[in-house]
Protein backbone atom coordinates (compact mmCIF):
# COMPACT_ATOMS: atom_id res chain seq x y z
CA MET A 1 -151.13 122.43 65.95
CA ASN A 2 -149.74 119.24 67.47
CA GLY A 3 -152.68 119.01 69.77
CA LEU A 4 -155.02 118.45 66.84
CA GLY A 5 -153.62 114.97 66.28
CA GLY A 6 -153.13 113.87 62.72
CA LEU A 7 -153.47 117.39 61.23
CA ASP A 8 -149.78 118.18 61.79
CA ARG A 9 -148.69 115.35 59.47
CA PRO A 10 -147.55 116.48 56.02
CA GLY A 11 -150.04 116.42 53.20
CA ALA A 12 -153.03 115.81 55.49
CA PRO A 13 -156.32 115.74 53.61
CA THR A 14 -159.24 117.88 54.54
CA SER A 15 -161.55 114.90 55.01
CA ALA A 16 -161.26 112.39 57.77
CA GLY A 17 -159.03 109.36 57.12
CA ALA A 18 -156.44 107.01 58.55
CA TRP A 19 -152.64 107.42 58.54
CA ASP A 20 -150.57 104.50 57.32
CA GLU A 21 -147.35 104.34 59.34
CA ARG A 22 -145.56 102.04 56.81
CA SER A 23 -146.29 104.02 53.66
CA GLY A 24 -146.48 107.47 55.22
CA GLU A 25 -149.67 108.33 53.35
CA TRP A 26 -153.24 109.18 54.13
CA LEU A 27 -155.94 106.65 53.26
CA ASP A 28 -159.36 107.98 52.32
CA ASP A 29 -162.45 106.20 53.47
CA HIS A 30 -163.61 105.66 49.90
CA ASP A 31 -160.35 103.89 49.04
CA ASP A 32 -160.90 101.10 51.54
CA ALA A 33 -163.52 101.02 54.24
CA ALA A 34 -161.58 98.40 56.18
CA GLY A 35 -158.29 100.34 56.25
CA ALA A 36 -156.48 98.35 53.52
CA PRO A 37 -152.93 99.37 52.57
CA ALA A 38 -152.40 102.05 49.96
CA GLY A 39 -150.67 99.63 47.59
CA LEU A 40 -153.85 97.59 47.31
CA ALA A 41 -155.82 100.78 46.77
CA GLY A 42 -153.53 101.78 43.93
CA GLU A 43 -153.86 98.32 42.40
CA ARG A 44 -157.64 98.59 42.53
CA ALA A 45 -157.49 102.03 40.96
CA SER A 46 -155.43 100.52 38.14
CA GLU A 47 -157.95 97.72 37.72
CA ASP A 48 -160.76 100.28 37.55
CA ARG A 49 -158.93 102.17 34.83
CA VAL A 50 -158.35 98.97 32.80
CA SER A 51 -161.99 98.06 33.23
CA ALA A 52 -163.04 101.49 32.03
CA ASP A 53 -160.79 101.24 28.98
CA ARG A 54 -161.68 97.73 27.89
CA GLY A 55 -165.19 97.40 29.20
CA ALA A 56 -166.49 95.26 32.03
CA VAL A 57 -165.44 91.60 31.90
CA VAL A 58 -168.63 89.67 32.23
CA GLY A 59 -168.95 86.05 33.29
CA THR A 60 -171.76 83.71 34.18
CA SER A 61 -172.58 82.67 37.71
CA VAL A 62 -173.88 79.30 38.80
CA ASP A 63 -177.50 80.42 38.59
CA GLY A 64 -177.04 81.72 35.06
CA THR A 65 -176.90 85.44 35.89
CA SER A 66 -174.13 87.73 34.69
CA VAL A 67 -171.37 88.67 37.11
CA ASP A 68 -168.56 91.19 36.78
CA ARG A 69 -165.48 88.96 37.25
CA ALA A 70 -163.27 91.90 38.18
CA SER A 71 -165.57 92.57 41.15
CA ALA A 72 -165.93 88.90 42.00
CA ALA A 73 -162.14 88.65 42.34
CA ARG A 74 -162.23 91.16 45.25
CA PRO A 75 -163.89 89.49 48.24
CA ASP A 76 -164.18 92.73 50.19
CA ARG A 77 -166.61 94.19 47.67
CA PRO A 78 -169.97 92.79 46.62
CA ALA A 79 -170.08 91.31 43.12
CA ARG A 80 -171.73 93.61 40.66
CA ARG A 81 -174.50 92.12 38.51
CA THR A 82 -174.70 93.31 34.92
CA GLY A 83 -177.32 92.73 32.27
CA ALA A 84 -174.77 91.96 29.51
CA ASP A 85 -174.23 88.26 28.69
CA PRO A 86 -172.17 87.94 25.49
CA VAL A 87 -172.54 84.16 25.29
CA LYS A 88 -176.31 84.49 25.57
CA ALA A 89 -176.29 87.06 22.78
CA LEU A 90 -174.20 84.71 20.64
CA MET A 91 -176.64 81.88 21.35
CA HIS A 92 -179.53 84.07 20.27
CA ARG A 93 -177.72 84.94 17.05
CA HIS A 94 -177.11 81.23 16.33
CA ARG A 95 -180.26 79.88 17.91
CA GLU A 96 -181.11 77.48 15.10
CA LEU A 97 -177.61 76.02 15.16
CA CYS A 98 -177.76 75.44 18.92
CA GLU A 99 -181.22 73.87 18.80
CA ARG A 100 -180.46 71.34 16.09
CA ALA A 101 -176.96 70.44 17.35
CA VAL A 102 -176.54 66.86 18.54
CA ASP A 103 -173.33 67.58 20.45
CA PRO A 104 -170.93 70.47 21.17
CA LEU A 105 -168.73 69.53 18.22
CA ASP A 106 -171.64 70.19 15.88
CA ILE A 107 -171.90 73.73 17.27
CA ALA A 108 -168.12 74.21 16.99
CA ALA A 109 -168.22 73.28 13.32
CA GLY A 110 -171.12 75.64 12.70
CA LEU A 111 -169.41 78.52 14.50
CA GLU A 112 -166.28 78.02 12.42
CA ALA A 113 -168.38 78.06 9.25
CA HIS A 114 -169.68 81.49 10.35
CA GLY A 115 -166.14 82.82 10.75
CA ILE A 116 -165.71 82.48 14.53
CA THR A 117 -162.12 81.53 15.38
CA ASP A 118 -160.23 80.75 18.58
CA ARG A 119 -159.26 84.43 18.83
CA THR A 120 -162.92 85.38 18.67
CA ALA A 121 -163.73 82.82 21.38
CA ALA A 122 -161.21 84.52 23.67
CA ARG A 123 -163.50 87.57 23.77
CA PHE A 124 -166.11 85.32 25.37
CA LEU A 125 -163.56 84.17 28.02
CA HIS A 126 -162.99 80.77 26.37
CA ARG A 127 -159.68 79.31 25.26
CA ASP A 128 -161.02 78.08 21.90
CA VAL A 129 -164.14 77.54 19.84
CA PHE A 130 -164.64 74.03 21.23
CA SER A 131 -164.86 75.33 24.80
CA LEU A 132 -167.29 78.06 23.73
CA ALA A 133 -169.42 75.47 21.91
CA GLU A 134 -169.58 73.32 25.04
CA GLU A 135 -171.04 76.21 27.05
CA MET A 136 -173.52 77.05 24.31
CA TYR A 137 -174.60 73.41 24.05
CA ALA A 138 -174.98 73.10 27.84
CA ARG A 139 -177.09 76.28 28.08
CA THR A 140 -179.43 75.39 25.22
CA PRO A 141 -182.79 74.07 26.52
CA ARG A 142 -183.93 70.80 24.95
CA ASP A 143 -186.79 68.38 25.28
CA GLY A 144 -185.69 65.31 27.20
CA GLU A 145 -182.58 66.94 28.65
CA GLU A 146 -179.46 64.79 28.53
CA PRO A 147 -176.17 65.19 30.38
CA PRO A 148 -174.19 67.86 28.53
CA GLY A 149 -171.03 65.79 28.20
CA THR A 150 -168.99 65.89 25.03
CA GLN A 151 -169.60 62.77 22.96
CA PRO A 152 -167.54 61.75 19.94
CA LEU A 153 -169.08 62.26 16.55
CA THR A 154 -170.62 59.13 15.10
CA PRO A 155 -168.52 58.17 12.06
CA PRO A 156 -170.41 57.34 8.86
CA ARG A 157 -170.93 53.68 8.10
CA ALA A 158 -170.58 51.84 4.84
CA ARG A 159 -174.00 51.02 3.42
CA PRO A 160 -174.71 48.11 1.05
CA ASP A 161 -176.65 50.31 -1.36
CA TRP A 162 -173.85 52.72 -2.19
CA ILE A 163 -171.27 49.92 -2.23
CA LEU A 164 -173.22 48.15 -4.99
CA LEU A 165 -173.87 51.40 -6.86
CA THR A 166 -170.16 52.26 -7.00
CA LEU A 167 -169.40 48.83 -8.48
CA LEU A 168 -172.06 49.21 -11.18
CA PRO A 169 -170.28 51.71 -13.53
CA GLY A 170 -167.18 49.56 -13.80
CA ALA A 171 -169.20 46.39 -14.42
CA LEU A 172 -171.35 48.00 -17.12
CA CYS A 173 -168.35 49.62 -18.79
CA ALA A 174 -166.53 46.28 -18.89
CA ALA A 175 -169.63 44.69 -20.43
CA THR A 176 -169.79 47.45 -23.04
CA VAL A 177 -166.12 47.02 -23.97
CA THR A 178 -166.65 43.29 -24.31
CA GLY A 179 -169.65 43.91 -26.57
CA LEU A 180 -167.61 46.24 -28.78
CA HIS A 181 -165.01 43.54 -29.31
CA LEU A 182 -167.64 40.93 -30.19
CA THR A 183 -169.75 43.00 -32.63
CA HIS A 184 -169.20 44.63 -36.02
CA GLY A 185 -170.77 47.27 -38.21
CA GLN A 186 -174.15 48.63 -37.17
CA SER A 187 -174.36 46.29 -34.17
CA ARG A 188 -171.17 47.84 -32.81
CA LEU A 189 -172.61 51.34 -33.11
CA ILE A 190 -175.77 50.29 -31.29
CA THR A 191 -173.70 48.59 -28.59
CA ALA A 192 -171.59 51.72 -28.15
CA ALA A 193 -174.62 54.00 -27.90
CA VAL A 194 -176.48 51.77 -25.42
CA GLY A 195 -173.34 51.18 -23.40
CA THR A 196 -172.59 54.90 -23.16
CA LEU A 197 -176.13 55.58 -21.96
CA VAL A 198 -176.21 52.88 -19.26
CA VAL A 199 -172.71 53.73 -17.99
CA THR A 200 -173.68 57.42 -17.72
CA LEU A 201 -176.82 56.55 -15.76
CA ALA A 202 -174.82 54.22 -13.51
CA LEU A 203 -172.29 56.98 -12.79
CA ARG A 204 -175.05 59.40 -11.88
CA ALA A 205 -176.57 56.82 -9.53
CA ALA A 206 -173.17 56.07 -7.97
CA VAL A 207 -172.53 59.70 -7.03
CA ALA A 208 -176.09 60.26 -5.85
CA ARG A 209 -175.60 58.22 -2.66
CA GLY A 210 -172.77 57.42 -0.33
CA PRO A 211 -169.60 59.37 0.46
CA LEU A 212 -169.43 60.87 -3.04
CA ALA A 213 -172.95 62.26 -2.81
CA GLY A 214 -173.46 66.00 -2.57
CA ARG A 215 -176.45 68.18 -1.94
CA HIS A 216 -175.38 70.49 -4.73
CA ILE A 217 -175.05 69.26 -8.31
CA THR A 218 -175.52 71.35 -11.42
CA ARG A 219 -176.00 70.33 -15.04
CA PRO A 220 -173.05 72.40 -16.33
CA THR A 221 -170.70 70.54 -13.99
CA ALA A 222 -171.97 67.16 -15.21
CA THR A 223 -171.52 68.34 -18.82
CA ARG A 224 -167.88 69.31 -18.18
CA ILE A 225 -167.16 65.94 -16.58
CA GLY A 226 -168.75 64.18 -19.56
CA TRP A 227 -166.57 66.19 -21.94
CA LEU A 228 -163.38 65.31 -20.02
CA ILE A 229 -164.21 61.59 -20.07
CA ALA A 230 -165.14 61.74 -23.75
CA TYR A 231 -161.82 63.43 -24.50
CA ALA A 232 -160.02 60.66 -22.64
CA LEU A 233 -161.73 58.22 -25.00
CA LEU A 234 -161.53 60.12 -28.30
CA GLY A 235 -159.34 63.18 -27.80
CA ASP A 236 -155.81 61.86 -28.31
CA GLY A 237 -156.75 60.05 -31.51
CA LEU A 238 -158.64 63.07 -32.87
CA LEU A 239 -155.80 65.42 -31.96
CA ARG A 240 -153.23 63.25 -33.71
CA ALA A 241 -155.46 62.91 -36.77
CA ALA A 242 -156.16 66.65 -36.92
CA ALA A 243 -152.44 67.44 -36.74
CA THR A 244 -151.85 65.31 -39.87
CA GLY A 245 -154.74 66.67 -41.90
CA GLY A 246 -157.48 64.23 -40.83
CA PRO A 247 -159.61 62.62 -39.70
CA ASP A 248 -160.72 61.02 -42.95
CA ALA A 249 -163.35 58.71 -41.42
CA LEU A 250 -165.43 58.18 -38.30
CA PRO A 251 -164.02 56.09 -35.45
CA THR A 252 -164.42 52.35 -35.85
CA GLY A 253 -164.36 51.61 -32.15
CA THR A 254 -160.87 50.10 -32.19
CA ALA A 255 -157.37 51.38 -31.48
CA GLN A 256 -156.22 50.56 -35.04
CA GLY A 257 -158.73 52.69 -36.99
CA PRO A 258 -158.17 56.08 -38.66
CA TRP A 259 -159.55 57.71 -35.53
CA PRO A 260 -158.24 55.43 -32.79
CA LEU A 261 -160.00 55.12 -29.45
CA THR A 262 -158.27 54.74 -26.07
CA VAL A 263 -160.65 52.48 -24.18
CA ALA A 264 -158.30 51.36 -21.41
CA PRO A 265 -158.20 54.74 -19.56
CA VAL A 266 -161.99 55.12 -19.63
CA LEU A 267 -162.51 51.56 -18.37
CA ALA A 268 -159.98 52.17 -15.58
CA LEU A 269 -161.76 55.39 -14.57
CA ALA A 270 -165.12 53.59 -14.47
CA LEU A 271 -163.66 50.79 -12.36
CA SER A 272 -162.03 53.37 -10.04
CA CYS A 273 -165.44 54.67 -8.97
CA ALA A 274 -165.50 52.08 -6.18
CA PRO A 275 -161.99 52.95 -4.84
CA ALA A 276 -162.90 56.63 -5.03
CA ALA A 277 -165.99 56.06 -2.89
CA TRP A 278 -164.01 54.04 -0.34
CA CYS A 279 -161.29 56.71 -0.17
CA ALA A 280 -163.93 59.39 0.40
CA HIS A 281 -165.52 57.20 3.08
CA LEU A 282 -162.14 56.71 4.77
CA LEU A 283 -161.56 60.46 4.72
CA ALA A 284 -164.94 61.09 6.37
CA VAL A 285 -164.38 58.45 9.07
CA ARG A 286 -160.87 59.53 9.97
CA ALA A 287 -161.85 63.21 9.91
CA ARG A 288 -164.70 62.57 12.37
CA HIS A 289 -162.35 60.70 14.71
CA ARG A 290 -159.77 63.46 14.63
CA LEU A 291 -162.44 66.10 15.08
CA SER A 292 -163.60 64.31 18.24
CA ALA A 293 -160.04 64.16 19.58
CA SER A 294 -159.09 67.75 18.72
CA ARG A 295 -159.44 70.58 21.22
CA ALA A 296 -158.69 73.47 18.85
CA LEU A 297 -159.46 74.30 15.25
CA LYS A 298 -155.78 74.67 14.41
CA ASP A 299 -155.04 71.20 15.80
CA PHE A 300 -157.70 69.66 13.58
CA ALA A 301 -156.51 71.52 10.49
CA THR A 302 -152.94 70.35 11.11
CA SER A 303 -153.99 66.71 11.39
CA ALA A 304 -156.45 66.87 8.47
CA LYS A 305 -153.94 68.00 5.83
CA PRO A 306 -151.87 64.77 5.76
CA LEU A 307 -155.14 62.81 5.87
CA LEU A 308 -156.34 64.54 2.70
CA LEU A 309 -153.02 63.95 0.94
CA ALA A 310 -153.04 60.28 1.98
CA THR A 311 -156.57 59.88 0.61
CA LEU A 312 -155.55 61.30 -2.76
CA ALA A 313 -152.41 59.14 -2.87
CA LEU A 314 -154.41 56.02 -2.03
CA TYR A 315 -156.84 56.67 -4.87
CA LEU A 316 -154.08 57.37 -7.38
CA GLY A 317 -152.39 54.13 -6.38
CA ALA A 318 -155.59 52.20 -7.00
CA LEU A 319 -156.12 53.97 -10.33
CA THR A 320 -152.54 53.13 -11.39
CA ALA A 321 -153.14 49.45 -10.69
CA LEU A 322 -156.40 49.53 -12.67
CA LEU A 323 -154.68 51.26 -15.58
CA THR A 324 -152.04 48.56 -15.66
CA LEU A 325 -154.71 45.86 -15.58
CA THR A 326 -156.91 47.36 -18.32
CA GLY A 327 -153.97 48.26 -20.56
CA THR A 328 -152.60 44.74 -20.33
CA THR A 329 -155.98 43.12 -20.91
CA LEU A 330 -156.95 45.28 -23.89
CA HIS A 331 -153.40 45.48 -25.31
CA GLU A 332 -153.56 49.27 -25.37
CA PRO A 333 -151.30 52.00 -23.98
CA ALA A 334 -152.18 52.72 -20.35
CA ALA A 335 -151.84 56.51 -20.83
CA TYR A 336 -150.70 57.09 -17.26
CA PRO A 337 -150.01 60.86 -17.25
CA GLN A 338 -153.30 62.09 -18.68
CA THR A 339 -155.43 59.47 -16.90
CA LEU A 340 -153.88 59.98 -13.47
CA THR A 341 -154.23 63.76 -13.67
CA LEU A 342 -157.83 63.40 -14.85
CA GLY A 343 -158.59 60.96 -12.03
CA ALA A 344 -157.10 63.33 -9.43
CA LEU A 345 -159.10 66.23 -10.87
CA LEU A 346 -162.38 64.31 -10.78
CA LEU A 347 -161.81 62.99 -7.24
CA LEU A 348 -160.93 66.39 -5.78
CA ALA A 349 -163.85 68.02 -7.57
CA ARG A 350 -166.20 65.39 -6.20
CA LEU A 351 -164.85 65.65 -2.64
CA LEU A 352 -165.28 69.42 -2.64
CA THR A 353 -168.77 69.15 -4.11
CA ALA A 354 -169.79 66.49 -1.58
CA HIS A 355 -168.77 68.82 1.27
CA GLY A 356 -170.66 71.80 -0.12
CA PHE A 357 -167.87 73.65 -1.97
CA THR A 358 -169.25 73.79 -5.50
CA GLN A 359 -167.97 77.01 -7.04
CA ALA A 360 -164.28 76.15 -7.35
CA PRO A 361 -164.85 72.66 -8.87
CA ALA A 362 -167.25 74.10 -11.45
CA LEU A 363 -164.77 76.81 -12.49
CA VAL A 364 -161.77 74.47 -12.66
CA LEU A 365 -163.65 71.76 -14.59
CA THR A 366 -164.84 74.41 -17.04
CA ALA A 367 -161.28 75.70 -17.49
CA ALA A 368 -159.87 72.21 -18.11
CA ALA A 369 -162.58 71.29 -20.61
CA SER A 370 -162.19 74.64 -22.36
CA ALA A 371 -158.43 74.16 -22.67
CA GLU A 372 -158.87 70.77 -24.35
CA ALA A 373 -161.60 72.09 -26.67
CA THR A 374 -159.46 75.11 -27.58
CA ALA A 375 -156.52 72.89 -28.50
CA LEU A 376 -158.68 70.94 -30.94
CA ALA A 377 -160.36 74.06 -32.30
CA THR A 378 -157.05 75.78 -33.11
CA LEU A 379 -155.87 72.83 -35.21
CA PHE A 380 -159.02 72.92 -37.31
CA ALA A 381 -159.09 76.73 -37.45
CA ALA A 382 -155.50 76.77 -38.72
CA ARG A 383 -156.75 75.24 -41.98
CA LEU A 384 -158.53 78.47 -42.84
CA PRO A 385 -156.66 80.90 -45.12
CA GLY A 386 -154.29 83.12 -43.18
CA CYS A 387 -154.83 81.32 -39.86
CA ALA A 388 -151.95 78.86 -39.93
CA ARG A 389 -150.24 80.51 -36.95
CA LEU A 390 -153.12 79.57 -34.64
CA ALA A 391 -151.91 75.98 -34.51
CA THR A 392 -148.30 76.87 -33.61
CA PRO A 393 -148.57 76.48 -29.78
CA VAL A 394 -150.48 73.19 -29.96
CA GLN A 395 -148.28 71.85 -32.75
CA SER A 396 -145.17 72.65 -30.71
CA LEU A 397 -146.53 70.67 -27.74
CA LEU A 398 -147.38 67.76 -30.03
CA ASP A 399 -143.90 67.73 -31.53
CA ILE A 400 -142.20 67.75 -28.12
CA TRP A 401 -144.43 65.63 -25.87
CA GLY A 402 -147.10 64.14 -28.09
CA PRO A 403 -150.91 64.28 -27.83
CA ALA A 404 -150.81 63.39 -24.14
CA ALA A 405 -149.40 66.84 -23.32
CA ILE A 406 -152.72 68.67 -23.83
CA PRO A 407 -154.90 66.70 -21.34
CA THR A 408 -152.00 66.26 -18.93
CA ILE A 409 -151.36 70.00 -18.69
CA ALA A 410 -155.06 70.93 -18.58
CA CYS A 411 -156.11 68.32 -16.01
CA GLY A 412 -152.87 68.52 -14.03
CA THR A 413 -153.17 72.28 -13.58
CA GLY A 414 -156.79 71.91 -12.58
CA ALA A 415 -156.03 69.12 -10.10
CA LEU A 416 -153.24 71.17 -8.48
CA THR A 417 -155.56 74.16 -8.18
CA LEU A 418 -158.28 72.10 -6.52
CA LEU A 419 -155.75 70.45 -4.22
CA LEU A 420 -154.58 73.82 -2.93
CA HIS A 421 -158.21 74.87 -2.49
CA ALA A 422 -159.04 71.62 -0.68
CA MET A 423 -156.11 72.09 1.70
CA ARG A 424 -157.85 75.26 2.91
CA THR A 425 -161.48 74.15 2.86
CA LEU A 426 -161.55 70.41 3.59
CA THR A 427 -159.32 70.89 6.63
CA ARG A 428 -161.98 72.95 8.40
CA ALA A 429 -164.10 71.38 11.09
CA SER A 430 -167.23 72.76 9.47
CA ALA A 431 -166.52 70.78 6.29
CA HIS A 432 -166.93 67.50 8.18
CA ALA A 433 -170.08 68.32 10.13
CA PRO A 434 -172.84 65.68 9.79
CA GLN A 435 -174.76 66.09 6.55
CA ASP A 436 -178.43 65.52 5.91
CA HIS A 437 -177.86 62.94 3.21
CA PRO A 438 -176.90 59.38 4.17
CA CYS A 439 -173.30 58.32 3.89
């Protein structure tokens, strides 16, 4: 059969083909129309199997149509067009986010808020969420089209209105304390009532605008904060009096009465409203800068954690200085442990609320206020017949560490809980997206 040409070669196929002298194999026409080597044919067969297992890898051509990138990588075959465009489907699912975005970083923050991570972005052939957001921003039609370049986020600016509002609680509280020292009897009671009202209104106005402002505020949360501040003013004296069988009279508004007041911590907390607002403003500014410079969500989270800790440390340093000043001026104990833990709790709760995380602050503030109220209630309930053992835990803490142990433990535990929660939530890019309210 040698006269029939290639048919005498071993393993000859029944259909016509070409013989490869180097590999010693037959090449079918459907493997390569141009007579490519068998090794390349085997590689293509492997690519076809991978494509069948994982699905076609779809990209976007210059004109916006979908192209199979596995086919586009082989110049000897025409690129196959497919109707699937995963990025377009993602844009349709987040159409409102893409339309209202002012830059790609705004879209990146929104995608992260919806649970899209860098690993998810890899399914859309992007290295991270930022790269995916850039494509989505560039492909979103807008009126008055602008160049789709990435621009840094505009950091919030300090406004004169919220600066003055944050100074108002401290000024009114100082005026109220001065009035209490200059009045007596019924005039002192009226001064205390009016002062409490105006300071409360000033605090509400201070947190309604500026970096401490939040779109979500509930009445129960405000009630818990009011209880914690009232306990800082009256709680230690009432707890000490209840442990000794009192109180025998109403508070006189001084630190020497039968129910002594601790005015210095409350005045320091009111004065610290301004440092708290500036610390929150600094956190927002630095977070926007780092968000603009970051190219991955993990990079931003890594750089945001020390920023959050530095913000908290800066506020606690300012509060410590104010405690020293007010304690020296009023000749009262500064009460550092309970006041610093309360200040940290209130700042973290306000930061989380201002960035839209309201559930955890409400729960933690409720737990702290309930712990303080329970400690007082057990001392009074222990006076009932057969209930003396109810006061044993609280009495043991009072004997070892004094009245400061109750608010320190309650507020300190709450502040630590919120700090751990803030390390997860306030280090996300979505937490620092531009808000609707002015900063």
